[in-house]
Amino acid sequence: MRLYLIFIIIFITFLTTSCKQADSDWIDRSRHEGLHKVNYSESFEIYATEVNPQHIKNTVRSLEQAKTYFDKVFDENLTFAVLFVDNPNWNTYAFSPPPGMPQAHHQGNMVLGLGRSVLAMRAEQGLKRVPDSRLGVLKQHFGEEINLDLFYRDALSLHELGHLYQFYKTGKGTQRYWLNEFFGNLCQVAAAKNLATQDVFNRMDSYQLFLINADQWGELNFKTLKQFEEDYFEVLIQGQNYGWYQSQFYLKAKELYSKFGDEFLNKFRDFLIAINPDKVDRMDNEELKELMTNTFGKQVVDILEWKHDN
């Protein structure tokens, strides 16, 4: 009976989420204190720790195109702000280190690195242990010096923007962290595939596949979805372990978007809105799996099945 009622809620959500939210000014502007307003876009607000920030216009351009795409798919006109923050000021405006770790806040703000971020430079340092003969594909997409801010800032900004389109409807309520992160990856793939060029997609894809194939994650303390849920913030702090989870979500997102496209993206967002625990309480794993099977079908659930729980 409980699952039947939840399924009714999901059905109603699918019919009604195209209606615009009344309060479009959801942005927490207290987080902009001390930052400089930057007039690089008419599509969203931009703030930075520098008066005239350099090397962000490609990021802004991609986000403008992604907003146009997401607004069309989700039938929204989302307002949001992007905060470009340098390394010394990172902890003032972001909720998690290291500097350059892209993140979306629940009230309309996205935080991205500015300049050469600590996160990207650490990752680049790790590549110095890799034989040069294996770095050809990365150099093709990231330049001879392999600038990984092109991944952590430019590519992952699409992921964070996807989170904002979810948080706009769900607030802080979340049924599962892993569903949120899968959705972020799904948005990342979908937006990148719909930009004017495939440069951003090729960078994100080449780097993700490099990390997966190189298998240089080191010792992973967490590998199951149960651990991801129960120890989420600990996993987040252990950057490599968090990156490993994200790479698994990315592969599943890429496969499902290639099979089902924009319709699946929109339907998955509606699903996250409908199963918000503020509406339906916390569901156990069996209830969630049955509901996902009824909503999306067995093929989708089989692709989403986690292979690392045993």
C-alpha atoms as a PDB file:
ATOM      1  CA  MET A   1       0.000   0.000   0.000  1.00  0.00           C
ATOM      2  CA  ARG A   2       2.865   2.399   0.911  1.00  0.00           C
ATOM      3  CA  LEU A   3       4.593   1.824  -2.426  1.00  0.00           C
ATOM      4  CA  TYR A   4       1.308   2.345  -4.264  1.00  0.00           C
ATOM      5  CA  LEU A   5       0.861   5.737  -2.580  1.00  0.00           C
ATOM      6  CA  ILE A   6       4.439   6.731  -3.412  1.00  0.00           C
ATOM      7  CA  PHE A   7       3.898   5.699  -7.019  1.00  0.00           C
ATOM      8  CA  ILE A   8       0.819   7.963  -7.123  1.00  0.00           C
ATOM      9  CA  ILE A   9       2.965  10.825  -5.796  1.00  0.00           C
ATOM     10  CA  ILE A  10       5.536  10.165  -8.529  1.00  0.00           C
ATOM     11  CA  PHE A  11       2.817  10.133 -11.191  1.00  0.00           C
ATOM     12  CA  ILE A  12       1.460  13.463  -9.951  1.00  0.00           C
ATOM     13  CA  THR A  13       4.998  14.866  -9.859  1.00  0.00           C
ATOM     14  CA  PHE A  14       5.546  13.888 -13.504  1.00  0.00           C
ATOM     15  CA  LEU A  15       2.379  15.808 -14.389  1.00  0.00           C
ATOM     16  CA  THR A  16       3.097  18.931 -12.366  1.00  0.00           C
ATOM     17  CA  THR A  17       6.854  19.625 -12.238  1.00  0.00           C
ATOM     18  CA  SER A  18       6.702  21.657 -15.419  1.00  0.00           C
ATOM     19  CA  CYS A  19       4.917  24.367 -13.403  1.00  0.00           C
ATOM     20  CA  LYS A  20       7.452  27.049 -12.430  1.00  0.00           C
ATOM     21  CA  GLN A  21       8.328  27.458  -8.771  1.00  0.00           C
ATOM     22  CA  ALA A  22       6.849  30.706  -7.458  1.00  0.00           C
ATOM     23  CA  ASP A  23       9.916  31.913  -5.522  1.00  0.00           C
ATOM     24  CA  SER A  24      12.598  32.170  -8.202  1.00  0.00           C
ATOM     25  CA  ASP A  25      14.927  34.284  -6.029  1.00  0.00           C
ATOM     26  CA  TRP A  26      16.221  31.393  -3.950  1.00  0.00           C
ATOM     27  CA  ILE A  27      19.863  32.465  -3.964  1.00  0.00           C
ATOM     28  CA  ASP A  28      21.560  32.846  -0.561  1.00  0.00           C
ATOM     29  CA  ARG A  29      23.213  36.223  -1.095  1.00  0.00           C
ATOM     30  CA  SER A  30      24.951  36.229   2.275  1.00  0.00           C
ATOM     31  CA  ARG A  31      27.576  34.009   0.633  1.00  0.00           C
ATOM     32  CA  HIS A  32      28.534  36.832  -1.736  1.00  0.00           C
ATOM     33  CA  GLU A  33      29.865  39.115   0.983  1.00  0.00           C
ATOM     34  CA  GLY A  34      33.429  40.183   0.271  1.00  0.00           C
ATOM     35  CA  LEU A  35      33.324  39.075  -3.361  1.00  0.00           C
ATOM     36  CA  HIS A  36      33.441  41.232  -6.493  1.00  0.00           C
ATOM     37  CA  LYS A  37      30.464  41.262  -8.870  1.00  0.00           C
ATOM     38  CA  VAL A  38      31.654  40.296 -12.354  1.00  0.00           C
ATOM     39  CA  ASN A  39      29.598  41.217 -15.427  1.00  0.00           C
ATOM     40  CA  TYR A  40      30.599  38.403 -17.774  1.00  0.00           C
ATOM     41  CA  SER A  41      27.099  36.993 -18.338  1.00  0.00           C
ATOM     42  CA  GLU A  42      23.458  38.015 -18.567  1.00  0.00           C
ATOM     43  CA  SER A  43      22.283  34.436 -17.944  1.00  0.00           C
ATOM     44  CA  PHE A  44      23.349  34.144 -14.286  1.00  0.00           C
ATOM     45  CA  GLU A  45      25.205  36.060 -11.582  1.00  0.00           C
ATOM     46  CA  ILE A  46      28.981  35.848 -11.229  1.00  0.00           C
ATOM     47  CA  TYR A  47      31.110  36.768  -8.213  1.00  0.00           C
ATOM     48  CA  ALA A  48      34.840  36.341  -7.719  1.00  0.00           C
ATOM     49  CA  THR A  49      37.662  36.933  -5.277  1.00  0.00           C
ATOM     50  CA  GLU A  50      39.387  39.010  -8.001  1.00  0.00           C
ATOM     51  CA  VAL A  51      38.108  42.177  -9.670  1.00  0.00           C
ATOM     52  CA  ASN A  52      38.902  41.000 -13.208  1.00  0.00           C
ATOM     53  CA  PRO A  53      39.272  37.217 -13.026  1.00  0.00           C
ATOM     54  CA  GLN A  54      41.245  35.620 -15.836  1.00  0.00           C
ATOM     55  CA  HIS A  55      40.663  32.371 -17.723  1.00  0.00           C
ATOM     56  CA  ILE A  56      37.013  31.841 -16.731  1.00  0.00           C
ATOM     57  CA  LYS A  57      35.216  32.997 -19.872  1.00  0.00           C
ATOM     58  CA  ASN A  58      35.186  29.521 -21.418  1.00  0.00           C
ATOM     59  CA  THR A  59      33.636  28.183 -18.209  1.00  0.00           C
ATOM     60  CA  VAL A  60      31.027  30.942 -18.285  1.00  0.00           C
ATOM     61  CA  ARG A  61      30.260  30.240 -21.946  1.00  0.00           C
ATOM     62  CA  SER A  62      29.754  26.523 -21.262  1.00  0.00           C
ATOM     63  CA  LEU A  63      27.498  27.277 -18.303  1.00  0.00           C
ATOM     64  CA  GLU A  64      25.411  29.657 -20.418  1.00  0.00           C
ATOM     65  CA  GLN A  65      24.892  26.945 -23.038  1.00  0.00           C
ATOM     66  CA  ALA A  66      24.182  24.351 -20.345  1.00  0.00           C
ATOM     67  CA  LYS A  67      21.593  26.618 -18.710  1.00  0.00           C
ATOM     68  CA  THR A  68      19.835  27.056 -22.056  1.00  0.00           C
ATOM     69  CA  TYR A  69      19.790  23.288 -22.481  1.00  0.00           C
ATOM     70  CA  PHE A  70      18.635  22.476 -18.918  1.00  0.00           C
ATOM     71  CA  ASP A  71      15.964  25.189 -18.973  1.00  0.00           C
ATOM     72  CA  LYS A  72      14.524  23.571 -22.088  1.00  0.00           C
ATOM     73  CA  VAL A  73      14.691  19.970 -20.821  1.00  0.00           C
ATOM     74  CA  PHE A  74      13.361  20.777 -17.327  1.00  0.00           C
ATOM     75  CA  ASP A  75      11.016  23.597 -18.414  1.00  0.00           C
ATOM     76  CA  GLU A  76      12.606  26.052 -16.003  1.00  0.00           C
ATOM     77  CA  ASN A  77      14.233  29.468 -16.035  1.00  0.00           C
ATOM     78  CA  LEU A  78      16.657  28.887 -13.196  1.00  0.00           C
ATOM     79  CA  THR A  79      18.350  31.749 -11.400  1.00  0.00           C
ATOM     80  CA  PHE A  80      21.695  30.979  -9.768  1.00  0.00           C
ATOM     81  CA  ALA A  81      25.088  32.473  -8.933  1.00  0.00           C
ATOM     82  CA  VAL A  82      28.577  31.182  -9.662  1.00  0.00           C
ATOM     83  CA  LEU A  83      31.356  32.032  -7.212  1.00  0.00           C
ATOM     84  CA  PHE A  84      34.913  31.820  -8.573  1.00  0.00           C
ATOM     85  CA  VAL A  85      37.181  31.523  -5.531  1.00  0.00           C
ATOM     86  CA  ASP A  86      40.973  31.401  -5.360  1.00  0.00           C
ATOM     87  CA  ASN A  87      42.975  29.049  -3.126  1.00  0.00           C
ATOM     88  CA  PRO A  88      43.619  31.399  -0.157  1.00  0.00           C
ATOM     89  CA  ASN A  89      39.904  32.259   0.208  1.00  0.00           C
ATOM     90  CA  TRP A  90      38.482  28.821  -0.487  1.00  0.00           C
ATOM     91  CA  ASN A  91      37.454  27.839   3.042  1.00  0.00           C
ATOM     92  CA  THR A  92      35.542  31.106   3.465  1.00  0.00           C
ATOM     93  CA  TYR A  93      33.087  30.336   0.668  1.00  0.00           C
ATOM     94  CA  ALA A  94      33.180  26.553   0.121  1.00  0.00           C
ATOM     95  CA  PHE A  95      32.001  23.798   2.457  1.00  0.00           C
ATOM     96  CA  SER A  96      34.690  21.273   1.598  1.00  0.00           C
ATOM     97  CA  PRO A  97      38.425  21.329   0.817  1.00  0.00           C
ATOM     98  CA  PRO A  98      40.623  21.134  -1.155  1.00  0.00           C
ATOM     99  CA  PRO A  99      40.540  24.446  -3.060  1.00  0.00           C
ATOM    100  CA  GLY A 100      39.121  23.843  -6.513  1.00  0.00           C
ATOM    101  CA  MET A 101      36.710  21.054  -5.478  1.00  0.00           C
ATOM    102  CA  PRO A 102      33.557  22.195  -7.335  1.00  0.00           C
ATOM    103  CA  GLN A 103      30.404  22.226  -5.260  1.00  0.00           C
ATOM    104  CA  ALA A 104      26.784  23.341  -5.306  1.00  0.00           C
ATOM    105  CA  HIS A 105      25.013  24.819  -2.293  1.00  0.00           C
ATOM    106  CA  HIS A 106      21.357  24.089  -1.623  1.00  0.00           C
ATOM    107  CA  GLN A 107      20.394  27.748  -2.019  1.00  0.00           C
ATOM    108  CA  GLY A 108      21.387  28.697  -5.532  1.00  0.00           C
ATOM    109  CA  ASN A 109      25.169  29.083  -5.378  1.00  0.00           C
ATOM    110  CA  MET A 110      27.911  27.144  -7.138  1.00  0.00           C
ATOM    111  CA  VAL A 111      31.560  27.449  -6.040  1.00  0.00           C
ATOM    112  CA  LEU A 112      34.370  26.889  -8.553  1.00  0.00           C
ATOM    113  CA  GLY A 113      38.117  27.319  -8.397  1.00  0.00           C
ATOM    114  CA  LEU A 114      39.860  30.420  -9.701  1.00  0.00           C
ATOM    115  CA  GLY A 115      43.366  30.355 -11.144  1.00  0.00           C
ATOM    116  CA  ARG A 116      45.464  27.230 -10.688  1.00  0.00           C
ATOM    117  CA  SER A 117      43.567  25.306  -8.040  1.00  0.00           C
ATOM    118  CA  VAL A 118      45.141  23.105  -5.400  1.00  0.00           C
ATOM    119  CA  LEU A 119      42.933  20.196  -6.496  1.00  0.00           C
ATOM    120  CA  ALA A 120      44.066  20.341 -10.114  1.00  0.00           C
ATOM    121  CA  MET A 121      47.748  20.825  -9.246  1.00  0.00           C
ATOM    122  CA  ARG A 122      47.701  17.809  -6.923  1.00  0.00           C
ATOM    123  CA  ALA A 123      46.169  15.678  -9.660  1.00  0.00           C
ATOM    124  CA  GLU A 124      48.736  16.945 -12.173  1.00  0.00           C
ATOM    125  CA  GLN A 125      51.521  16.068  -9.738  1.00  0.00           C
ATOM    126  CA  GLY A 126      50.191  12.515  -9.634  1.00  0.00           C
ATOM    127  CA  LEU A 127      50.469  12.296 -13.431  1.00  0.00           C
ATOM    128  CA  LYS A 128      54.222  12.869 -13.184  1.00  0.00           C
ATOM    129  CA  ARG A 129      54.521   9.253 -12.007  1.00  0.00           C
ATOM    130  CA  VAL A 130      52.864   8.046 -15.220  1.00  0.00           C
ATOM    131  CA  PRO A 131      55.091   7.220 -18.227  1.00  0.00           C
ATOM    132  CA  ASP A 132      54.881   9.952 -20.846  1.00  0.00           C
ATOM    133  CA  SER A 133      53.893   7.380 -23.468  1.00  0.00           C
ATOM    134  CA  ARG A 134      50.544   6.926 -21.672  1.00  0.00           C
ATOM    135  CA  LEU A 135      49.682  10.616 -21.505  1.00  0.00           C
ATOM    136  CA  GLY A 136      49.155  11.265 -25.205  1.00  0.00           C
ATOM    137  CA  VAL A 137      45.352  11.383 -25.096  1.00  0.00           C
ATOM    138  CA  LEU A 138      45.358  13.748 -22.121  1.00  0.00           C
ATOM    139  CA  LYS A 139      47.841  16.068 -23.815  1.00  0.00           C
ATOM    140  CA  GLN A 140      45.633  16.077 -26.891  1.00  0.00           C
ATOM    141  CA  HIS A 141      42.670  17.425 -24.893  1.00  0.00           C
ATOM    142  CA  PHE A 142      44.312  19.314 -22.000  1.00  0.00           C
ATOM    143  CA  GLY A 143      47.417  20.745 -23.656  1.00  0.00           C
ATOM    144  CA  GLU A 144      51.054  19.721 -23.485  1.00  0.00           C
ATOM    145  CA  GLU A 145      51.233  20.785 -19.810  1.00  0.00           C
ATOM    146  CA  ILE A 146      47.920  18.989 -18.999  1.00  0.00           C
ATOM    147  CA  ASN A 147      45.894  21.725 -17.288  1.00  0.00           C
ATOM    148  CA  LEU A 148      43.377  19.766 -15.192  1.00  0.00           C
ATOM    149  CA  ASP A 149      41.461  22.862 -14.160  1.00  0.00           C
ATOM    150  CA  LEU A 150      39.883  22.343 -17.577  1.00  0.00           C
ATOM    151  CA  PHE A 151      38.313  19.256 -15.998  1.00  0.00           C
ATOM    152  CA  TYR A 152      37.763  20.229 -12.363  1.00  0.00           C
ATOM    153  CA  ARG A 153      36.433  23.717 -13.154  1.00  0.00           C
ATOM    154  CA  ASP A 154      35.111  23.656 -16.724  1.00  0.00           C
ATOM    155  CA  ALA A 155      33.728  20.129 -17.060  1.00  0.00           C
ATOM    156  CA  LEU A 156      32.533  19.565 -13.490  1.00  0.00           C
ATOM    157  CA  SER A 157      30.734  22.912 -13.409  1.00  0.00           C
ATOM    158  CA  LEU A 158      28.086  21.170 -15.541  1.00  0.00           C
ATOM    159  CA  HIS A 159      27.736  18.496 -12.851  1.00  0.00           C
ATOM    160  CA  GLU A 160      27.223  21.142 -10.162  1.00  0.00           C
ATOM    161  CA  LEU A 161      24.731  23.033 -12.289  1.00  0.00           C
ATOM    162  CA  GLY A 162      22.726  19.827 -12.550  1.00  0.00           C
ATOM    163  CA  HIS A 163      22.643  19.643  -8.748  1.00  0.00           C
ATOM    164  CA  LEU A 164      21.241  23.179  -8.616  1.00  0.00           C
ATOM    165  CA  TYR A 165      18.358  22.193 -10.914  1.00  0.00           C
ATOM    166  CA  GLN A 166      17.585  19.397  -8.437  1.00  0.00           C
ATOM    167  CA  PHE A 167      18.068  21.442  -5.243  1.00  0.00           C
ATOM    168  CA  TYR A 168      15.763  24.139  -6.616  1.00  0.00           C
ATOM    169  CA  LYS A 169      12.908  21.640  -6.217  1.00  0.00           C
ATOM    170  CA  THR A 170      14.097  19.393  -3.374  1.00  0.00           C
ATOM    171  CA  GLY A 171      16.013  21.704  -1.045  1.00  0.00           C
ATOM    172  CA  LYS A 172      18.181  19.719   1.345  1.00  0.00           C
ATOM    173  CA  GLY A 173      15.944  16.656   1.257  1.00  0.00           C
ATOM    174  CA  THR A 174      17.647  13.591  -0.213  1.00  0.00           C
ATOM    175  CA  GLN A 175      16.556   9.966  -0.340  1.00  0.00           C
ATOM    176  CA  ARG A 176      20.072   8.732  -1.204  1.00  0.00           C
ATOM    177  CA  TYR A 177      23.368  10.534  -1.762  1.00  0.00           C
ATOM    178  CA  TRP A 178      24.250   8.107  -4.531  1.00  0.00           C
ATOM    179  CA  LEU A 179      21.103   8.991  -6.474  1.00  0.00           C
ATOM    180  CA  ASN A 180      22.054  12.670  -6.252  1.00  0.00           C
ATOM    181  CA  GLU A 181      25.559  11.981  -7.516  1.00  0.00           C
ATOM    182  CA  PHE A 182      24.348   9.757 -10.325  1.00  0.00           C
ATOM    183  CA  PHE A 183      22.005  12.576 -11.364  1.00  0.00           C
ATOM    184  CA  GLY A 184      24.905  15.056 -11.255  1.00  0.00           C
ATOM    185  CA  ASN A 185      26.877  12.813 -13.591  1.00  0.00           C
ATOM    186  CA  LEU A 186      23.854  12.341 -15.838  1.00  0.00           C
ATOM    187  CA  CYS A 187      23.510  16.126 -16.121  1.00  0.00           C
ATOM    188  CA  GLN A 188      27.237  16.480 -16.724  1.00  0.00           C
ATOM    189  CA  VAL A 189      27.151  14.032 -19.634  1.00  0.00           C
ATOM    190  CA  ALA A 190      23.928  15.376 -21.122  1.00  0.00           C
ATOM    191  CA  ALA A 191      24.969  19.032 -20.996  1.00  0.00           C
ATOM    192  CA  ALA A 192      28.431  18.327 -22.400  1.00  0.00           C
ATOM    193  CA  LYS A 193      26.928  16.366 -25.295  1.00  0.00           C
ATOM    194  CA  ASN A 194      24.702  19.357 -26.082  1.00  0.00           C
ATOM    195  CA  LEU A 195      27.303  22.160 -26.035  1.00  0.00           C
ATOM    196  CA  ALA A 196      28.286  23.913 -29.256  1.00  0.00           C
ATOM    197  CA  THR A 197      31.446  21.776 -29.505  1.00  0.00           C
ATOM    198  CA  GLN A 198      32.484  18.444 -28.007  1.00  0.00           C
ATOM    199  CA  ASP A 199      35.670  19.852 -26.431  1.00  0.00           C
ATOM    200  CA  VAL A 200      34.348  19.737 -22.866  1.00  0.00           C
ATOM    201  CA  PHE A 201      32.885  16.245 -23.302  1.00  0.00           C
ATOM    202  CA  ASN A 202      36.127  14.954 -24.809  1.00  0.00           C
ATOM    203  CA  ARG A 203      38.099  16.314 -21.862  1.00  0.00           C
ATOM    204  CA  MET A 204      35.799  14.855 -19.227  1.00  0.00           C
ATOM    205  CA  ASP A 205      35.583  11.529 -21.005  1.00  0.00           C
ATOM    206  CA  SER A 206      39.297  11.130 -21.734  1.00  0.00           C
ATOM    207  CA  TYR A 207      40.284  11.982 -18.167  1.00  0.00           C
ATOM    208  CA  GLN A 208      37.631   9.807 -16.529  1.00  0.00           C
ATOM    209  CA  LEU A 209      38.535   6.836 -18.723  1.00  0.00           C
ATOM    210  CA  PHE A 210      42.237   7.437 -18.071  1.00  0.00           C
ATOM    211  CA  LEU A 211      41.638   7.297 -14.307  1.00  0.00           C
ATOM    212  CA  ILE A 212      39.515   4.159 -14.608  1.00  0.00           C
ATOM    213  CA  ASN A 213      41.918   2.317 -16.902  1.00  0.00           C
ATOM    214  CA  ALA A 214      45.039   3.394 -15.005  1.00  0.00           C
ATOM    215  CA  ASP A 215      43.473   2.134 -11.741  1.00  0.00           C
ATOM    216  CA  GLN A 216      45.718   4.345  -9.644  1.00  0.00           C
ATOM    217  CA  TRP A 217      43.234   5.061  -6.877  1.00  0.00           C
ATOM    218  CA  GLY A 218      45.450   3.648  -4.186  1.00  0.00           C
ATOM    219  CA  GLU A 219      43.876   1.872  -1.204  1.00  0.00           C
ATOM    220  CA  LEU A 220      40.121   2.447  -1.147  1.00  0.00           C
ATOM    221  CA  ASN A 221      38.559   2.381   2.318  1.00  0.00           C
ATOM    222  CA  PHE A 222      35.023   2.630   0.936  1.00  0.00           C
ATOM    223  CA  LYS A 223      33.508   0.791  -2.039  1.00  0.00           C
ATOM    224  CA  THR A 224      29.881  -0.068  -1.238  1.00  0.00           C
ATOM    225  CA  LEU A 225      26.788   2.103  -1.632  1.00  0.00           C
ATOM    226  CA  LYS A 226      26.006   1.512   2.051  1.00  0.00           C
ATOM    227  CA  GLN A 227      29.350   3.073   2.952  1.00  0.00           C
ATOM    228  CA  PHE A 228      28.733   5.938   0.537  1.00  0.00           C
ATOM    229  CA  GLU A 229      25.472   6.708   2.342  1.00  0.00           C
ATOM    230  CA  GLU A 230      26.624   6.230   5.921  1.00  0.00           C
ATOM    231  CA  ASP A 231      30.082   7.803   5.565  1.00  0.00           C
ATOM    232  CA  TYR A 232      29.393  10.309   2.793  1.00  0.00           C
ATOM    233  CA  PHE A 233      31.327  13.239   4.237  1.00  0.00           C
ATOM    234  CA  GLU A 234      34.263  11.039   5.200  1.00  0.00           C
ATOM    235  CA  VAL A 235      34.340   9.693   1.634  1.00  0.00           C
ATOM    236  CA  LEU A 236      34.168  13.276   0.352  1.00  0.00           C
ATOM    237  CA  ILE A 237      37.191  14.278   2.431  1.00  0.00           C
ATOM    238  CA  GLN A 238      39.153  11.287   1.088  1.00  0.00           C
ATOM    239  CA  GLY A 239      39.327  12.796  -2.384  1.00  0.00           C
ATOM    240  CA  GLN A 240      40.625   9.785  -4.318  1.00  0.00           C
ATOM    241  CA  ASN A 241      37.986   7.497  -2.846  1.00  0.00           C
ATOM    242  CA  TYR A 242      35.273  10.034  -3.725  1.00  0.00           C
ATOM    243  CA  GLY A 243      36.712  10.287  -7.242  1.00  0.00           C
ATOM    244  CA  TRP A 244      36.509   6.499  -7.586  1.00  0.00           C
ATOM    245  CA  TYR A 245      32.788   6.533  -6.732  1.00  0.00           C
ATOM    246  CA  GLN A 246      32.206   9.383  -9.170  1.00  0.00           C
ATOM    247  CA  SER A 247      33.942   7.470 -11.965  1.00  0.00           C
ATOM    248  CA  GLN A 248      31.552   4.547 -11.438  1.00  0.00           C
ATOM    249  CA  PHE A 249      28.529   6.870 -11.515  1.00  0.00           C
ATOM    250  CA  TYR A 250      29.924   8.532 -14.647  1.00  0.00           C
ATOM    251  CA  LEU A 251      30.115   5.263 -16.606  1.00  0.00           C
ATOM    252  CA  LYS A 252      26.517   4.414 -15.712  1.00  0.00           C
ATOM    253  CA  ALA A 253      25.326   7.934 -16.550  1.00  0.00           C
ATOM    254  CA  LYS A 254      27.045   7.874 -19.938  1.00  0.00           C
ATOM    255  CA  GLU A 255      25.496   4.521 -20.820  1.00  0.00           C
ATOM    256  CA  LEU A 256      21.987   5.486 -19.731  1.00  0.00           C
ATOM    257  CA  TYR A 257      22.041   8.865 -21.476  1.00  0.00           C
ATOM    258  CA  SER A 258      23.230   7.226 -24.695  1.00  0.00           C
ATOM    259  CA  LYS A 259      20.288   4.793 -24.499  1.00  0.00           C
ATOM    260  CA  PHE A 260      17.467   7.038 -23.286  1.00  0.00           C
ATOM    261  CA  GLY A 261      18.503  10.681 -23.828  1.00  0.00           C
ATOM    262  CA  ASP A 262      16.768  13.816 -22.569  1.00  0.00           C
ATOM    263  CA  GLU A 263      13.514  12.096 -21.665  1.00  0.00           C
ATOM    264  CA  PHE A 264      15.325   9.930 -19.114  1.00  0.00           C
ATOM    265  CA  LEU A 265      17.187  12.956 -17.706  1.00  0.00           C
ATOM    266  CA  ASN A 266      13.944  14.818 -17.088  1.00  0.00           C
ATOM    267  CA  LYS A 267      12.194  11.742 -15.714  1.00  0.00           C
ATOM    268  CA  PHE A 268      15.036  11.045 -13.285  1.00  0.00           C
ATOM    269  CA  ARG A 269      14.872  14.590 -11.907  1.00  0.00           C
ATOM    270  CA  ASP A 270      11.103  14.210 -11.442  1.00  0.00           C
ATOM    271  CA  PHE A 271      11.789  10.950  -9.598  1.00  0.00           C
ATOM    272  CA  LEU A 272      14.211  12.648  -7.187  1.00  0.00           C
ATOM    273  CA  ILE A 273      11.636  15.364  -6.526  1.00  0.00           C
ATOM    274  CA  ALA A 274       8.897  12.814  -5.891  1.00  0.00           C
ATOM    275  CA  ILE A 275      10.889  10.610  -3.482  1.00  0.00           C
ATOM    276  CA  ASN A 276      12.138  13.523  -1.401  1.00  0.00           C
ATOM    277  CA  PRO A 277      11.977  12.138   2.161  1.00  0.00           C
ATOM    278  CA  ASP A 278      10.273  15.349   3.236  1.00  0.00           C
ATOM    279  CA  LYS A 279       7.308  14.025   1.215  1.00  0.00           C
ATOM    280  CA  VAL A 280       7.470  10.230   1.571  1.00  0.00           C
ATOM    281  CA  ASP A 281       9.837   9.548   4.489  1.00  0.00           C
ATOM    282  CA  ARG A 282      12.908   7.337   4.230  1.00  0.00           C
ATOM    283  CA  MET A 283      12.525   4.259   2.011  1.00  0.00           C
ATOM    284  CA  ASP A 284      14.396   1.013   2.567  1.00  0.00           C
ATOM    285  CA  ASN A 285      16.530  -0.437  -0.218  1.00  0.00           C
ATOM    286  CA  GLU A 286      13.972  -3.002  -1.344  1.00  0.00           C
ATOM    287  CA  GLU A 287      11.206  -0.410  -1.562  1.00  0.00           C
ATOM    288  CA  LEU A 288      13.481   1.901  -3.518  1.00  0.00           C
ATOM    289  CA  LYS A 289      14.538  -0.808  -5.967  1.00  0.00           C
ATOM    290  CA  GLU A 290      10.945  -1.902  -6.590  1.00  0.00           C
ATOM    291  CA  LEU A 291       9.848   1.687  -7.125  1.00  0.00           C
ATOM    292  CA  MET A 292      12.717   2.352  -9.535  1.00  0.00           C
ATOM    293  CA  THR A 293      11.863  -0.810 -11.466  1.00  0.00           C
ATOM    294  CA  ASN A 294       8.213   0.241 -11.738  1.00  0.00           C
ATOM    295  CA  THR A 295       9.227   3.765 -12.792  1.00  0.00           C
ATOM    296  CA  PHE A 296      12.133   3.178 -15.160  1.00  0.00           C
ATOM    297  CA  GLY A 297      12.051  -0.514 -16.025  1.00  0.00           C
ATOM    298  CA  LYS A 298      14.351  -3.441 -15.372  1.00  0.00           C
ATOM    299  CA  GLN A 299      16.976  -2.423 -17.949  1.00  0.00           C
ATOM    300  CA  VAL A 300      17.700   0.849 -16.170  1.00  0.00           C
ATOM    301  CA  VAL A 301      17.817  -0.784 -12.739  1.00  0.00           C
ATOM    302  CA  ASP A 302      20.167  -3.480 -14.046  1.00  0.00           C
ATOM    303  CA  ILE A 303      22.568  -0.828 -15.397  1.00  0.00           C
ATOM    304  CA  LEU A 304      22.426   1.050 -12.087  1.00  0.00           C
ATOM    305  CA  GLU A 305      23.101  -2.121 -10.084  1.00  0.00           C
ATOM    306  CA  TRP A 306      26.226  -1.637  -7.967  1.00  0.00           C
ATOM    307  CA  LYS A 307      28.886  -4.274  -8.650  1.00  0.00           C
ATOM    308  CA  HIS A 308      30.992  -3.552  -5.567  1.00  0.00           C
ATOM    309  CA  ASP A 309      28.677  -4.449  -2.685  1.00  0.00           C
ATOM    310  CA  ASN A 310      29.954  -7.997  -2.344  1.00  0.00           C
END
